[in-house]
Amino acid sequence: VIGVGVNERKKYMYSAEVRVKVIAE
């Protein structure tokens, strides 16, 4: 299981949705 971490205190270049989608594909 690849767990994509989401931390509201951290800024990301890509949203969680995009990160999950790219890896899942």
PDB file of all heavy atoms in Angstrom:
ATOM      1  N   VAL A   1       0.858  -1.177   0.000  1.00  0.00           N
ATOM      2  CA  VAL A   1       0.000   0.000   0.000  1.00  0.00           C
ATOM      3  C   VAL A   1       0.900   1.235   0.000  1.00  0.00           C
ATOM      4  O   VAL A   1       1.726   1.402   0.906  1.00  0.00           O
ATOM      5  CB  VAL A   1      -0.936   0.038   1.224  1.00  0.00           C
ATOM      6  CG1 VAL A   1      -1.742   1.346   1.239  1.00  0.00           C
ATOM      7  CG2 VAL A   1      -1.878  -1.157   1.213  1.00  0.00           C
ATOM      8  N   ILE A   2       0.777   2.053  -1.028  1.00  0.00           N
ATOM      9  CA  ILE A   2       1.525   3.309  -1.097  1.00  0.00           C
ATOM     10  C   ILE A   2       0.663   4.383  -0.459  1.00  0.00           C
ATOM     11  O   ILE A   2      -0.410   4.713  -0.963  1.00  0.00           O
ATOM     12  CB  ILE A   2       1.876   3.668  -2.552  1.00  0.00           C
ATOM     13  CG1 ILE A   2       2.737   2.571  -3.173  1.00  0.00           C
ATOM     14  CG2 ILE A   2       2.593   5.018  -2.612  1.00  0.00           C
ATOM     15  CD1 ILE A   2       3.057   2.792  -4.643  1.00  0.00           C
ATOM     16  N   GLY A   3       1.120   4.890   0.683  1.00  0.00           N
ATOM     17  CA  GLY A   3       0.363   5.889   1.431  1.00  0.00           C
ATOM     18  C   GLY A   3       0.853   7.290   1.126  1.00  0.00           C
ATOM     19  O   GLY A   3       1.986   7.636   1.459  1.00  0.00           O
ATOM     20  N   VAL A   4       0.015   8.100   0.499  1.00  0.00           N
ATOM     21  CA  VAL A   4       0.364   9.470   0.140  1.00  0.00           C
ATOM     22  C   VAL A   4      -0.027  10.385   1.293  1.00  0.00           C
ATOM     23  O   VAL A   4      -1.219  10.586   1.562  1.00  0.00           O
ATOM     24  CB  VAL A   4      -0.343   9.898  -1.162  1.00  0.00           C
ATOM     25  CG1 VAL A   4       0.002  11.343  -1.509  1.00  0.00           C
ATOM     26  CG2 VAL A   4       0.059   8.968  -2.307  1.00  0.00           C
ATOM     27  N   GLY A   5       0.972  10.916   1.973  1.00  0.00           N
ATOM     28  CA  GLY A   5       0.715  11.733   3.148  1.00  0.00           C
ATOM     29  C   GLY A   5       0.182  13.107   2.819  1.00  0.00           C
ATOM     30  O   GLY A   5       0.619  13.753   1.861  1.00  0.00           O
ATOM     31  N   VAL A   6      -0.784  13.558   3.624  1.00  0.00           N
ATOM     32  CA  VAL A   6      -1.364  14.897   3.482  1.00  0.00           C
ATOM     33  C   VAL A   6      -1.228  15.605   4.825  1.00  0.00           C
ATOM     34  O   VAL A   6      -1.829  15.194   5.812  1.00  0.00           O
ATOM     35  CB  VAL A   6      -2.848  14.832   3.071  1.00  0.00           C
ATOM     36  CG1 VAL A   6      -3.417  16.239   2.924  1.00  0.00           C
ATOM     37  CG2 VAL A   6      -3.015  14.046   1.783  1.00  0.00           C
ATOM     38  N   ASN A   7      -0.412  16.650   4.843  1.00  0.00           N
ATOM     39  CA  ASN A   7      -0.174  17.426   6.063  1.00  0.00           C
ATOM     40  C   ASN A   7      -0.612  18.858   5.802  1.00  0.00           C
ATOM     41  O   ASN A   7      -0.017  19.558   4.974  1.00  0.00           O
ATOM     42  CB  ASN A   7       1.309  17.378   6.428  1.00  0.00           C
ATOM     43  CG  ASN A   7       1.612  18.045   7.767  1.00  0.00           C
ATOM     44  OD1 ASN A   7       0.820  18.849   8.260  1.00  0.00           O
ATOM     45  ND2 ASN A   7       2.759  17.728   8.338  1.00  0.00           N
ATOM     46  N   GLU A   8      -1.653  19.297   6.497  1.00  0.00           N
ATOM     47  CA  GLU A   8      -2.205  20.631   6.240  1.00  0.00           C
ATOM     48  C   GLU A   8      -1.222  21.749   6.592  1.00  0.00           C
ATOM     49  O   GLU A   8      -1.391  22.890   6.145  1.00  0.00           O
ATOM     50  CB  GLU A   8      -3.509  20.822   7.019  1.00  0.00           C
ATOM     51  CG  GLU A   8      -3.359  20.717   8.526  1.00  0.00           C
ATOM     52  CD  GLU A   8      -4.686  20.795   9.253  1.00  0.00           C
ATOM     53  OE1 GLU A   8      -5.727  20.564   8.613  1.00  0.00           O
ATOM     54  OE2 GLU A   8      -4.680  21.086  10.467  1.00  0.00           O
ATOM     55  N   ARG A   9      -0.191  21.432   7.345  1.00  0.00           N
ATOM     56  CA  ARG A   9       0.812  22.446   7.688  1.00  0.00           C
ATOM     57  C   ARG A   9       1.932  22.539   6.649  1.00  0.00           C
ATOM     58  O   ARG A   9       2.824  23.355   6.771  1.00  0.00           O
ATOM     59  CB  ARG A   9       1.420  22.132   9.061  1.00  0.00           C
ATOM     60  CG  ARG A   9       0.429  22.212  10.220  1.00  0.00           C
ATOM     61  CD  ARG A   9       1.035  21.723  11.505  1.00  0.00           C
ATOM     62  NE  ARG A   9       1.394  20.310  11.425  1.00  0.00           N
ATOM     63  CZ  ARG A   9       1.996  19.634  12.392  1.00  0.00           C
ATOM     64  NH1 ARG A   9       2.317  20.247  13.528  1.00  0.00           N
ATOM     65  NH2 ARG A   9       2.274  18.347  12.237  1.00  0.00           N
ATOM     66  N   LYS A  10       1.858  21.690   5.637  1.00  0.00           N
ATOM     67  CA  LYS A  10       2.916  21.636   4.636  1.00  0.00           C
ATOM     68  C   LYS A  10       2.384  22.070   3.275  1.00  0.00           C
ATOM     69  O   LYS A  10       1.257  21.759   2.911  1.00  0.00           O
ATOM     70  CB  LYS A  10       3.458  20.199   4.556  1.00  0.00           C
ATOM     71  CG  LYS A  10       4.651  20.007   3.661  1.00  0.00           C
ATOM     72  CD  LYS A  10       5.147  18.557   3.750  1.00  0.00           C
ATOM     73  CE  LYS A  10       6.345  18.318   2.852  1.00  0.00           C
ATOM     74  NZ  LYS A  10       6.834  16.912   2.945  1.00  0.00           N
ATOM     75  N   LYS A  11       3.212  22.789   2.517  1.00  0.00           N
ATOM     76  CA  LYS A  11       2.823  23.212   1.179  1.00  0.00           C
ATOM     77  C   LYS A  11       3.345  22.193   0.165  1.00  0.00           C
ATOM     78  O   LYS A  11       4.487  21.741   0.261  1.00  0.00           O
ATOM     79  CB  LYS A  11       3.389  24.600   0.866  1.00  0.00           C
ATOM     80  CG  LYS A  11       2.801  25.715   1.708  1.00  0.00           C
ATOM     81  CD  LYS A  11       3.297  27.071   1.258  1.00  0.00           C
ATOM     82  CE  LYS A  11       2.783  27.415  -0.125  1.00  0.00           C
ATOM     83  NZ  LYS A  11       3.163  28.792  -0.529  1.00  0.00           N
ATOM     84  N   TYR A  12       2.503  21.861  -0.815  1.00  0.00           N
ATOM     85  CA  TYR A  12       2.869  20.876  -1.817  1.00  0.00           C
ATOM     86  C   TYR A  12       2.841  21.507  -3.208  1.00  0.00           C
ATOM     87  O   TYR A  12       2.072  22.447  -3.459  1.00  0.00           O
ATOM     88  CB  TYR A  12       1.890  19.691  -1.790  1.00  0.00           C
ATOM     89  CG  TYR A  12       1.875  18.932  -0.485  1.00  0.00           C
ATOM     90  CD1 TYR A  12       0.887  19.172   0.475  1.00  0.00           C
ATOM     91  CD2 TYR A  12       2.848  17.977  -0.207  1.00  0.00           C
ATOM     92  CE1 TYR A  12       0.873  18.467   1.674  1.00  0.00           C
ATOM     93  CE2 TYR A  12       2.830  17.270   0.988  1.00  0.00           C
ATOM     94  CZ  TYR A  12       1.854  17.522   1.922  1.00  0.00           C
ATOM     95  OH  TYR A  12       1.842  16.829   3.106  1.00  0.00           O
ATOM     96  N   MET A  13       3.654  20.952  -4.098  1.00  0.00           N
ATOM     97  CA  MET A  13       3.602  21.383  -5.490  1.00  0.00           C
ATOM     98  C   MET A  13       2.363  20.798  -6.173  1.00  0.00           C
ATOM     99  O   MET A  13       1.722  21.457  -6.974  1.00  0.00           O
ATOM    100  CB  MET A  13       4.874  20.951  -6.238  1.00  0.00           C
ATOM    101  CG  MET A  13       4.836  21.260  -7.732  1.00  0.00           C
ATOM    102  SD  MET A  13       6.420  20.986  -8.585  1.00  0.00           S
ATOM    103  CE  MET A  13       7.281  22.500  -8.116  1.00  0.00           C
ATOM    104  N   TYR A  14       2.055  19.533  -5.833  1.00  0.00           N
ATOM    105  CA  TYR A  14       0.908  18.854  -6.433  1.00  0.00           C
ATOM    106  C   TYR A  14      -0.096  18.486  -5.343  1.00  0.00           C
ATOM    107  O   TYR A  14       0.287  18.101  -4.234  1.00  0.00           O
ATOM    108  CB  TYR A  14       1.355  17.591  -7.174  1.00  0.00           C
ATOM    109  CG  TYR A  14       2.327  17.862  -8.299  1.00  0.00           C
ATOM    110  CD1 TYR A  14       3.685  17.609  -8.129  1.00  0.00           C
ATOM    111  CD2 TYR A  14       1.888  18.391  -9.507  1.00  0.00           C
ATOM    112  CE1 TYR A  14       4.582  17.877  -9.153  1.00  0.00           C
ATOM    113  CE2 TYR A  14       2.779  18.656 -10.534  1.00  0.00           C
ATOM    114  CZ  TYR A  14       4.128  18.400 -10.352  1.00  0.00           C
ATOM    115  OH  TYR A  14       5.017  18.665 -11.361  1.00  0.00           O
ATOM    116  N   SER A  15      -1.364  18.574  -5.687  1.00  0.00           N
ATOM    117  CA  SER A  15      -2.408  18.226  -4.721  1.00  0.00           C
ATOM    118  C   SER A  15      -2.380  16.731  -4.420  1.00  0.00           C
ATOM    119  O   SER A  15      -1.807  15.940  -5.176  1.00  0.00           O
ATOM    120  CB  SER A  15      -3.787  18.610  -5.276  1.00  0.00           C
ATOM    121  OG  SER A  15      -4.119  17.778  -6.381  1.00  0.00           O
ATOM    122  N   ALA A  16      -3.021  16.354  -3.335  1.00  0.00           N
ATOM    123  CA  ALA A  16      -3.090  14.940  -2.980  1.00  0.00           C
ATOM    124  C   ALA A  16      -3.788  14.145  -4.076  1.00  0.00           C
ATOM    125  O   ALA A  16      -3.390  13.019  -4.394  1.00  0.00           O
ATOM    126  CB  ALA A  16      -3.823  14.768  -1.651  1.00  0.00           C
ATOM    127  N   GLU A  17      -4.842  14.730  -4.653  1.00  0.00           N
ATOM    128  CA  GLU A  17      -5.571  14.044  -5.715  1.00  0.00           C
ATOM    129  C   GLU A  17      -4.665  13.733  -6.903  1.00  0.00           C
ATOM    130  O   GLU A  17      -4.701  12.624  -7.456  1.00  0.00           O
ATOM    131  CB  GLU A  17      -6.760  14.890  -6.188  1.00  0.00           C
ATOM    132  CG  GLU A  17      -7.905  14.987  -5.201  1.00  0.00           C
ATOM    133  CD  GLU A  17      -7.694  16.077  -4.155  1.00  0.00           C
ATOM    134  OE1 GLU A  17      -6.599  16.716  -4.169  1.00  0.00           O
ATOM    135  OE2 GLU A  17      -8.602  16.301  -3.340  1.00  0.00           O
ATOM    136  N   VAL A  18      -3.841  14.706  -7.284  1.00  0.00           N
ATOM    137  CA  VAL A  18      -2.936  14.508  -8.420  1.00  0.00           C
ATOM    138  C   VAL A  18      -1.876  13.471  -8.084  1.00  0.00           C
ATOM    139  O   VAL A  18      -1.573  12.578  -8.892  1.00  0.00           O
ATOM    140  CB  VAL A  18      -2.272  15.843  -8.818  1.00  0.00           C
ATOM    141  CG1 VAL A  18      -1.137  15.602  -9.822  1.00  0.00           C
ATOM    142  CG2 VAL A  18      -3.300  16.796  -9.411  1.00  0.00           C
ATOM    143  N   ARG A  19      -1.308  13.546  -6.895  1.00  0.00           N
ATOM    144  CA  ARG A  19      -0.257  12.600  -6.507  1.00  0.00           C
ATOM    145  C   ARG A  19      -0.789  11.159  -6.488  1.00  0.00           C
ATOM    146  O   ARG A  19      -0.138  10.238  -6.983  1.00  0.00           O
ATOM    147  CB  ARG A  19       0.320  12.980  -5.144  1.00  0.00           C
ATOM    148  CG  ARG A  19       1.247  14.203  -5.197  1.00  0.00           C
ATOM    149  CD  ARG A  19       1.744  14.587  -3.822  1.00  0.00           C
ATOM    150  NE  ARG A  19       0.769  15.332  -3.070  1.00  0.00           N
ATOM    151  CZ  ARG A  19       0.650  15.303  -1.750  1.00  0.00           C
ATOM    152  NH1 ARG A  19       1.426  14.512  -1.023  1.00  0.00           N
ATOM    153  NH2 ARG A  19      -0.257  16.040  -1.134  1.00  0.00           N
ATOM    154  N   VAL A  20      -1.966  10.980  -5.910  1.00  0.00           N
ATOM    155  CA  VAL A  20      -2.565   9.639  -5.862  1.00  0.00           C
ATOM    156  C   VAL A  20      -2.867   9.151  -7.274  1.00  0.00           C
ATOM    157  O   VAL A  20      -2.584   7.991  -7.619  1.00  0.00           O
ATOM    158  CB  VAL A  20      -3.855   9.649  -5.012  1.00  0.00           C
ATOM    159  CG1 VAL A  20      -4.633   8.355  -5.200  1.00  0.00           C
ATOM    160  CG2 VAL A  20      -3.504   9.833  -3.539  1.00  0.00           C
ATOM    161  N   LYS A  21      -3.427  10.009  -8.105  1.00  0.00           N
ATOM    162  CA  LYS A  21      -3.810   9.620  -9.466  1.00  0.00           C
ATOM    163  C   LYS A  21      -2.593   9.185 -10.279  1.00  0.00           C
ATOM    164  O   LYS A  21      -2.629   8.158 -10.967  1.00  0.00           O
ATOM    165  CB  LYS A  21      -4.517  10.785 -10.153  1.00  0.00           C
ATOM    166  CG  LYS A  21      -5.000  10.494 -11.576  1.00  0.00           C
ATOM    167  CD  LYS A  21      -5.786  11.682 -12.121  1.00  0.00           C
ATOM    168  CE  LYS A  21      -6.342  11.375 -13.518  1.00  0.00           C
ATOM    169  NZ  LYS A  21      -5.277  11.261 -14.535  1.00  0.00           N
ATOM    170  N   VAL A  22      -1.514   9.951 -10.204  1.00  0.00           N
ATOM    171  CA  VAL A  22      -0.305   9.643 -10.986  1.00  0.00           C
ATOM    172  C   VAL A  22       0.274   8.291 -10.567  1.00  0.00           C
ATOM    173  O   VAL A  22       0.638   7.460 -11.408  1.00  0.00           O
ATOM    174  CB  VAL A  22       0.743  10.753 -10.815  1.00  0.00           C
ATOM    175  CG1 VAL A  22       2.091  10.313 -11.377  1.00  0.00           C
ATOM    176  CG2 VAL A  22       0.288  12.031 -11.513  1.00  0.00           C
ATOM    177  N   ILE A  23       0.356   8.050  -9.253  1.00  0.00           N
ATOM    178  CA  ILE A  23       0.930   6.786  -8.775  1.00  0.00           C
ATOM    179  C   ILE A  23       0.010   5.614  -9.105  1.00  0.00           C
ATOM    180  O   ILE A  23       0.461   4.540  -9.510  1.00  0.00           O
ATOM    181  CB  ILE A  23       1.194   6.853  -7.261  1.00  0.00           C
ATOM    182  CG1 ILE A  23       2.136   8.006  -6.935  1.00  0.00           C
ATOM    183  CG2 ILE A  23       1.801   5.537  -6.762  1.00  0.00           C
ATOM    184  CD1 ILE A  23       2.285   8.286  -5.442  1.00  0.00           C
ATOM    185  N   ALA A  24      -1.296   5.813  -8.923  1.00  0.00           N
ATOM    186  CA  ALA A  24      -2.251   4.744  -9.214  1.00  0.00           C
ATOM    187  C   ALA A  24      -2.205   4.354 -10.692  1.00  0.00           C
ATOM    188  O   ALA A  24      -2.295   3.165 -11.029  1.00  0.00           O
ATOM    189  CB  ALA A  24      -3.664   5.181  -8.828  1.00  0.00           C
ATOM    190  N   GLU A  25      -2.057   5.322 -11.565  1.00  0.00           N
ATOM    191  CA  GLU A  25      -1.955   5.026 -13.002  1.00  0.00           C
ATOM    192  C   GLU A  25      -0.690   4.240 -13.303  1.00  0.00           C
ATOM    193  O   GLU A  25      -0.693   3.357 -14.169  1.00  0.00           O
ATOM    194  CB  GLU A  25      -1.980   6.322 -13.806  1.00  0.00           C
ATOM    195  CG  GLU A  25      -3.350   6.994 -13.854  1.00  0.00           C
ATOM    196  CD  GLU A  25      -3.327   8.298 -14.638  1.00  0.00           C
ATOM    197  OE1 GLU A  25      -2.217   8.774 -14.984  1.00  0.00           O
ATOM    198  OE2 GLU A  25      -4.418   8.839 -14.908  1.00  0.00           O
TER     199      GLU A  25
END
